[in-house]
């Protein structure tokens, strides 16, 4: 049984994603709840855009994902 919106699970249980460093091409791990990480090889900050999600528009987001997460998102 799922409590809350299934779309909020990626915020409650973040997962790693692999992004290639734009400077050296090294695979860099960025978690789904983060927008940047430091490349292990060249130490450049690797960024990715945070797309819109249900936390941006849903009136129930503070109940579903939590008020703290909603504030951190903004």
PDB file of N, CA and C in Angstrom:
ATOM      1  N   UNK A   1       0.836  -1.167   0.000  1.00  0.00           N
ATOM      2  CA  UNK A   1       0.000   0.000   0.000  1.00  0.00           C
ATOM      3  C   UNK A   1       0.892   1.246   0.000  1.00  0.00           C
ATOM      4  N   UNK A   2       0.588   2.193  -0.856  1.00  0.00           N
ATOM      5  CA  UNK A   2       1.356   3.439  -0.956  1.00  0.00           C
ATOM      6  C   UNK A   2       0.638   4.521  -0.172  1.00  0.00           C
ATOM      7  N   UNK A   3       1.355   5.184   0.728  1.00  0.00           N
ATOM      8  CA  UNK A   3       0.807   6.311   1.458  1.00  0.00           C
ATOM      9  C   UNK A   3       1.325   7.574   0.813  1.00  0.00           C
ATOM     10  N   UNK A   4       0.424   8.432   0.408  1.00  0.00           N
ATOM     11  CA  UNK A   4       0.823   9.654  -0.266  1.00  0.00           C
ATOM     12  C   UNK A   4       0.902   9.435  -1.768  1.00  0.00           C
ATOM     13  N   UNK A   5       1.292  10.441  -2.441  1.00  0.00           N
ATOM     14  CA  UNK A   5       1.376  10.433  -3.892  1.00  0.00           C
ATOM     15  C   UNK A   5       2.575   9.600  -4.355  1.00  0.00           C
ATOM     16  N   UNK A   6       2.397   8.742  -5.341  1.00  0.00           N
ATOM     17  CA  UNK A   6       3.529   7.962  -5.833  1.00  0.00           C
ATOM     18  C   UNK A   6       4.630   8.841  -6.433  1.00  0.00           C
ATOM     19  N   UNK A   7       4.272  10.040  -6.917  1.00  0.00           N
ATOM     20  CA  UNK A   7       5.263  10.950  -7.486  1.00  0.00           C
ATOM     21  C   UNK A   7       6.237  11.499  -6.467  1.00  0.00           C
ATOM     22  N   UNK A   8       5.856  11.497  -5.205  1.00  0.00           N
ATOM     23  CA  UNK A   8       6.725  12.054  -4.164  1.00  0.00           C
ATOM     24  C   UNK A   8       7.779  11.065  -3.683  1.00  0.00           C
ATOM     25  N   UNK A   9       7.703   9.820  -4.108  1.00  0.00           N
ATOM     26  CA  UNK A   9       8.647   8.807  -3.642  1.00  0.00           C
ATOM     27  C   UNK A   9      10.084   9.137  -4.020  1.00  0.00           C
ATOM     28  N   UNK A  10      10.288   9.788  -5.186  1.00  0.00           N
ATOM     29  CA  UNK A  10      11.657  10.112  -5.589  1.00  0.00           C
ATOM     30  C   UNK A  10      12.278  11.173  -4.687  1.00  0.00           C
ATOM     31  N   UNK A  11      11.450  11.931  -3.956  1.00  0.00           N
ATOM     32  CA  UNK A  11      11.967  12.904  -3.006  1.00  0.00           C
ATOM     33  C   UNK A  11      12.193  12.286  -1.639  1.00  0.00           C
ATOM     34  N   UNK A  12      11.342  11.350  -1.300  1.00  0.00           N
ATOM     35  CA  UNK A  12      11.460  10.684  -0.005  1.00  0.00           C
ATOM     36  C   UNK A  12      12.578   9.639  -0.007  1.00  0.00           C
ATOM     37  N   UNK A  13      12.820   9.035  -1.162  1.00  0.00           N
ATOM     38  CA  UNK A  13      13.845   8.002  -1.288  1.00  0.00           C
ATOM     39  C   UNK A  13      14.726   8.324  -2.499  1.00  0.00           C
ATOM     40  N   UNK A  14      15.641   9.305  -2.358  1.00  0.00           N
ATOM     41  CA  UNK A  14      16.482   9.694  -3.490  1.00  0.00           C
ATOM     42  C   UNK A  14      17.364   8.550  -3.968  1.00  0.00           C
ATOM     43  N   UNK A  15      17.708   8.608  -5.251  1.00  0.00           N
ATOM     44  CA  UNK A  15      18.558   7.593  -5.873  1.00  0.00           C
ATOM     45  C   UNK A  15      19.703   8.285  -6.608  1.00  0.00           C
ATOM     46  N   UNK A  16      20.820   7.597  -6.777  1.00  0.00           N
ATOM     47  CA  UNK A  16      21.930   8.202  -7.521  1.00  0.00           C
ATOM     48  C   UNK A  16      21.673   8.177  -9.026  1.00  0.00           C
ATOM     49  N   UNK A  17      22.126   9.234  -9.694  1.00  0.00           N
ATOM     50  CA  UNK A  17      22.102   9.290 -11.154  1.00  0.00           C
ATOM     51  C   UNK A  17      23.521   9.605 -11.616  1.00  0.00           C
ATOM     52  N   UNK A  18      23.881   9.096 -12.760  1.00  0.00           N
ATOM     53  CA  UNK A  18      25.210   9.332 -13.308  1.00  0.00           C
ATOM     54  C   UNK A  18      25.126  10.422 -14.378  1.00  0.00           C
ATOM     55  N   UNK A  19      25.972  11.449 -14.230  1.00  0.00           N
ATOM     56  CA  UNK A  19      26.063  12.555 -15.180  1.00  0.00           C
ATOM     57  C   UNK A  19      27.528  12.680 -15.572  1.00  0.00           C
ATOM     58  N   UNK A  20      27.796  12.885 -16.838  1.00  0.00           N
ATOM     59  CA  UNK A  20      29.177  13.060 -17.284  1.00  0.00           C
ATOM     60  C   UNK A  20      29.646  14.481 -16.997  1.00  0.00           C
ATOM     61  N   UNK A  21      30.841  14.613 -16.462  1.00  0.00           N
ATOM     62  CA  UNK A  21      31.438  15.911 -16.174  1.00  0.00           C
ATOM     63  C   UNK A  21      31.645  16.661 -17.497  1.00  0.00           C
ATOM     64  N   UNK A  22      31.188  17.901 -17.588  1.00  0.00           N
ATOM     65  CA  UNK A  22      31.373  18.650 -18.828  1.00  0.00           C
ATOM     66  C   UNK A  22      32.829  19.034 -19.082  1.00  0.00           C
ATOM     67  N   UNK A  23      33.664  18.975 -18.058  1.00  0.00           N
ATOM     68  CA  UNK A  23      35.066  19.365 -18.190  1.00  0.00           C
ATOM     69  C   UNK A  23      35.961  18.212 -18.645  1.00  0.00           C
ATOM     70  N   UNK A  24      35.829  17.051 -17.984  1.00  0.00           N
ATOM     71  CA  UNK A  24      36.736  15.944 -18.291  1.00  0.00           C
ATOM     72  C   UNK A  24      36.027  14.682 -18.790  1.00  0.00           C
ATOM     73  N   UNK A  25      34.697  14.647 -18.694  1.00  0.00           N
ATOM     74  CA  UNK A  25      33.944  13.490 -19.166  1.00  0.00           C
ATOM     75  C   UNK A  25      33.783  12.365 -18.161  1.00  0.00           C
ATOM     76  N   UNK A  26      34.371  12.510 -16.980  1.00  0.00           N
ATOM     77  CA  UNK A  26      34.271  11.486 -15.924  1.00  0.00           C
ATOM     78  C   UNK A  26      32.820  11.323 -15.474  1.00  0.00           C
ATOM     79  N   UNK A  27      32.411  10.095 -15.224  1.00  0.00           N
ATOM     80  CA  UNK A  27      31.074   9.858 -14.682  1.00  0.00           C
ATOM     81  C   UNK A  27      31.015  10.380 -13.260  1.00  0.00           C
ATOM     82  N   UNK A  28      29.994  11.186 -12.984  1.00  0.00           N
ATOM     83  CA  UNK A  28      29.836  11.804 -11.666  1.00  0.00           C
ATOM     84  C   UNK A  28      28.453  11.471 -11.136  1.00  0.00           C
ATOM     85  N   UNK A  29      28.383  11.101  -9.871  1.00  0.00           N
ATOM     86  CA  UNK A  29      27.127  10.714  -9.244  1.00  0.00           C
ATOM     87  C   UNK A  29      26.446  11.934  -8.631  1.00  0.00           C
ATOM     88  N   UNK A  30      25.191  12.163  -9.050  1.00  0.00           N
ATOM     89  CA  UNK A  30      24.361  13.204  -8.455  1.00  0.00           C
ATOM     90  C   UNK A  30      23.069  12.536  -8.007  1.00  0.00           C
ATOM     91  N   UNK A  31      22.701  12.729  -6.765  1.00  0.00           N
ATOM     92  CA  UNK A  31      21.481  12.132  -6.238  1.00  0.00           C
ATOM     93  C   UNK A  31      20.263  12.900  -6.747  1.00  0.00           C
ATOM     94  N   UNK A  32      19.127  12.225  -6.840  1.00  0.00           N
ATOM     95  CA  UNK A  32      17.928  12.826  -7.407  1.00  0.00           C
ATOM     96  C   UNK A  32      17.403  14.004  -6.594  1.00  0.00           C
ATOM     97  N   UNK A  33      17.822  14.154  -5.356  1.00  0.00           N
ATOM     98  CA  UNK A  33      17.378  15.294  -4.557  1.00  0.00           C
ATOM     99  C   UNK A  33      18.421  16.416  -4.535  1.00  0.00           C
ATOM    100  N   UNK A  34      19.446  16.332  -5.381  1.00  0.00           N
ATOM    101  CA  UNK A  34      20.499  17.337  -5.454  1.00  0.00           C
ATOM    102  C   UNK A  34      20.587  17.898  -6.873  1.00  0.00           C
ATOM    103  N   UNK A  35      21.195  19.062  -6.999  1.00  0.00           N
ATOM    104  CA  UNK A  35      21.370  19.661  -8.318  1.00  0.00           C
ATOM    105  C   UNK A  35      22.829  19.753  -8.733  1.00  0.00           C
ATOM    106  N   UNK A  36      23.748  19.435  -7.822  1.00  0.00           N
ATOM    107  CA  UNK A  36      25.163  19.498  -8.177  1.00  0.00           C
ATOM    108  C   UNK A  36      26.001  18.542  -7.342  1.00  0.00           C
ATOM    109  N   UNK A  37      27.171  18.235  -7.889  1.00  0.00           N
ATOM    110  CA  UNK A  37      28.153  17.381  -7.213  1.00  0.00           C
ATOM    111  C   UNK A  37      29.525  17.777  -7.740  1.00  0.00           C
ATOM    112  N   UNK A  38      30.562  17.343  -7.053  1.00  0.00           N
ATOM    113  CA  UNK A  38      31.937  17.643  -7.464  1.00  0.00           C
ATOM    114  C   UNK A  38      32.522  16.428  -8.156  1.00  0.00           C
ATOM    115  N   UNK A  39      33.100  16.650  -9.330  1.00  0.00           N
ATOM    116  CA  UNK A  39      33.749  15.578 -10.085  1.00  0.00           C
ATOM    117  C   UNK A  39      34.953  15.073  -9.294  1.00  0.00           C
ATOM    118  N   UNK A  40      35.047  13.766  -9.148  1.00  0.00           N
ATOM    119  CA  UNK A  40      36.167  13.183  -8.396  1.00  0.00           C
ATOM    120  C   UNK A  40      37.495  13.361  -9.119  1.00  0.00           C
ATOM    121  N   UNK A  41      37.465  13.415 -10.436  1.00  0.00           N
ATOM    122  CA  UNK A  41      38.698  13.465 -11.207  1.00  0.00           C
ATOM    123  C   UNK A  41      39.277  14.885 -11.306  1.00  0.00           C
ATOM    124  N   UNK A  42      38.453  15.862 -11.720  1.00  0.00           N
ATOM    125  CA  UNK A  42      38.989  17.212 -11.966  1.00  0.00           C
ATOM    126  C   UNK A  42      38.494  18.266 -10.982  1.00  0.00           C
ATOM    127  N   UNK A  43      37.626  17.865 -10.048  1.00  0.00           N
ATOM    128  CA  UNK A  43      37.126  18.731  -8.978  1.00  0.00           C
ATOM    129  C   UNK A  43      36.229  19.880  -9.457  1.00  0.00           C
ATOM    130  N   UNK A  44      35.725  19.808 -10.689  1.00  0.00           N
ATOM    131  CA  UNK A  44      34.783  20.800 -11.201  1.00  0.00           C
ATOM    132  C   UNK A  44      33.400  20.482 -10.634  1.00  0.00           C
ATOM    133  N   UNK A  45      32.621  21.517 -10.336  1.00  0.00           N
ATOM    134  CA  UNK A  45      31.252  21.317  -9.875  1.00  0.00           C
ATOM    135  C   UNK A  45      30.378  20.987 -11.079  1.00  0.00           C
ATOM    136  N   UNK A  46      29.779  19.818 -11.050  1.00  0.00           N
ATOM    137  CA  UNK A  46      28.901  19.349 -12.118  1.00  0.00           C
ATOM    138  C   UNK A  46      27.473  19.664 -11.694  1.00  0.00           C
ATOM    139  N   UNK A  47      26.744  20.343 -12.569  1.00  0.00           N
ATOM    140  CA  UNK A  47      25.369  20.744 -12.241  1.00  0.00           C
ATOM    141  C   UNK A  47      24.395  20.126 -13.219  1.00  0.00           C
ATOM    142  N   UNK A  48      23.182  19.947 -12.747  1.00  0.00           N
ATOM    143  CA  UNK A  48      22.088  19.541 -13.622  1.00  0.00           C
ATOM    144  C   UNK A  48      20.873  20.359 -13.237  1.00  0.00           C
ATOM    145  N   UNK A  49      20.025  20.606 -14.208  1.00  0.00           N
ATOM    146  CA  UNK A  49      18.832  21.400 -13.935  1.00  0.00           C
ATOM    147  C   UNK A  49      17.827  20.572 -13.158  1.00  0.00           C
ATOM    148  N   UNK A  50      17.153  21.243 -12.292  1.00  0.00           N
ATOM    149  CA  UNK A  50      16.072  20.595 -11.547  1.00  0.00           C
ATOM    150  C   UNK A  50      14.780  20.952 -12.275  1.00  0.00           C
ATOM    151  N   UNK A  51      14.175  19.962 -12.871  1.00  0.00           N
ATOM    152  CA  UNK A  51      12.926  20.182 -13.584  1.00  0.00           C
ATOM    153  C   UNK A  51      11.772  20.375 -12.614  1.00  0.00           C
ATOM    154  N   UNK A  52      10.659  20.781 -13.146  1.00  0.00           N
ATOM    155  CA  UNK A  52       9.486  20.950 -12.300  1.00  0.00           C
ATOM    156  C   UNK A  52       8.990  19.596 -11.821  1.00  0.00           C
ATOM    157  N   UNK A  53       8.386  19.618 -10.660  1.00  0.00           N
ATOM    158  CA  UNK A  53       7.819  18.397 -10.096  1.00  0.00           C
ATOM    159  C   UNK A  53       6.520  18.740  -9.385  1.00  0.00           C
ATOM    160  N   UNK A  54       5.907  17.756  -8.829  1.00  0.00           N
ATOM    161  CA  UNK A  54       4.655  17.962  -8.100  1.00  0.00           C
ATOM    162  C   UNK A  54       4.845  18.902  -6.905  1.00  0.00           C
ATOM    163  N   UNK A  55       6.070  18.990  -6.371  1.00  0.00           N
ATOM    164  CA  UNK A  55       6.325  19.886  -5.243  1.00  0.00           C
ATOM    165  C   UNK A  55       6.167  21.348  -5.637  1.00  0.00           C
ATOM    166  N   UNK A  56       6.269  21.645  -6.925  1.00  0.00           N
ATOM    167  CA  UNK A  56       6.151  23.016  -7.400  1.00  0.00           C
ATOM    168  C   UNK A  56       4.707  23.476  -7.579  1.00  0.00           C
ATOM    169  N   UNK A  57       3.793  22.558  -7.789  1.00  0.00           N
ATOM    170  CA  UNK A  57       2.429  22.976  -8.098  1.00  0.00           C
ATOM    171  C   UNK A  57       1.329  22.339  -7.252  1.00  0.00           C
ATOM    172  N   UNK A  58       1.594  21.260  -6.589  1.00  0.00           N
ATOM    173  CA  UNK A  58       0.546  20.537  -5.864  1.00  0.00           C
ATOM    174  C   UNK A  58       0.245  21.180  -4.516  1.00  0.00           C
ATOM    175  N   UNK A  59      -1.005  21.443  -4.247  1.00  0.00           N
ATOM    176  CA  UNK A  59      -1.429  22.032  -2.983  1.00  0.00           C
ATOM    177  C   UNK A  59      -1.256  21.107  -1.786  1.00  0.00           C
ATOM    178  N   UNK A  60      -1.084  19.822  -2.025  1.00  0.00           N
ATOM    179  CA  UNK A  60      -0.920  18.854  -0.941  1.00  0.00           C
ATOM    180  C   UNK A  60       0.528  18.460  -0.704  1.00  0.00           C
ATOM    181  N   UNK A  61       1.455  19.092  -1.407  1.00  0.00           N
ATOM    182  CA  UNK A  61       2.872  18.708  -1.332  1.00  0.00           C
ATOM    183  C   UNK A  61       3.416  18.764   0.086  1.00  0.00           C
ATOM    184  N   UNK A  62       3.019  19.763   0.863  1.00  0.00           N
ATOM    185  CA  UNK A  62       3.545  19.870   2.231  1.00  0.00           C
ATOM    186  C   UNK A  62       3.074  18.711   3.117  1.00  0.00           C
ATOM    187  N   UNK A  63       1.945  18.123   2.796  1.00  0.00           N
ATOM    188  CA  UNK A  63       1.460  16.983   3.566  1.00  0.00           C
ATOM    189  C   UNK A  63       2.072  15.677   3.056  1.00  0.00           C
ATOM    190  N   UNK A  64       2.264  15.606   1.766  1.00  0.00           N
ATOM    191  CA  UNK A  64       2.722  14.380   1.130  1.00  0.00           C
ATOM    192  C   UNK A  64       4.238  14.186   1.296  1.00  0.00           C
ATOM    193  N   UNK A  65       5.013  15.187   0.912  1.00  0.00           N
ATOM    194  CA  UNK A  65       6.470  15.071   0.947  1.00  0.00           C
ATOM    195  C   UNK A  65       7.067  15.681   2.202  1.00  0.00           C
ATOM    196  N   UNK A  66       6.317  16.521   2.857  1.00  0.00           N
ATOM    197  CA  UNK A  66       6.808  17.169   4.063  1.00  0.00           C
ATOM    198  C   UNK A  66       7.120  18.635   3.835  1.00  0.00           C
ATOM    199  N   UNK A  67       6.786  19.441   4.818  1.00  0.00           N
ATOM    200  CA  UNK A  67       6.970  20.894   4.715  1.00  0.00           C
ATOM    201  C   UNK A  67       8.440  21.265   4.542  1.00  0.00           C
ATOM    202  N   UNK A  68       9.331  20.598   5.267  1.00  0.00           N
ATOM    203  CA  UNK A  68      10.760  20.894   5.187  1.00  0.00           C
ATOM    204  C   UNK A  68      11.288  20.682   3.771  1.00  0.00           C
ATOM    205  N   UNK A  69      10.889  19.595   3.135  1.00  0.00           N
ATOM    206  CA  UNK A  69      11.330  19.309   1.774  1.00  0.00           C
ATOM    207  C   UNK A  69      10.805  20.351   0.799  1.00  0.00           C
ATOM    208  N   UNK A  70       9.580  20.807   1.022  1.00  0.00           N
ATOM    209  CA  UNK A  70       8.973  21.819   0.169  1.00  0.00           C
ATOM    210  C   UNK A  70       9.736  23.133   0.258  1.00  0.00           C
ATOM    211  N   UNK A  71      10.125  23.540   1.463  1.00  0.00           N
ATOM    212  CA  UNK A  71      10.880  24.780   1.666  1.00  0.00           C
ATOM    213  C   UNK A  71      12.274  24.659   1.050  1.00  0.00           C
ATOM    214  N   UNK A  72      12.946  23.530   1.226  1.00  0.00           N
ATOM    215  CA  UNK A  72      14.282  23.334   0.668  1.00  0.00           C
ATOM    216  C   UNK A  72      14.270  23.381  -0.844  1.00  0.00           C
ATOM    217  N   UNK A  73      13.183  23.002  -1.439  1.00  0.00           N
ATOM    218  CA  UNK A  73      13.046  22.965  -2.912  1.00  0.00           C
ATOM    219  C   UNK A  73      13.025  24.374  -3.499  1.00  0.00           C
ATOM    220  N   UNK A  74      12.532  25.330  -2.745  1.00  0.00           N
ATOM    221  CA  UNK A  74      12.353  26.686  -3.292  1.00  0.00           C
ATOM    222  C   UNK A  74      13.558  27.510  -3.208  1.00  0.00           C
TER     223      UNK A  74
END
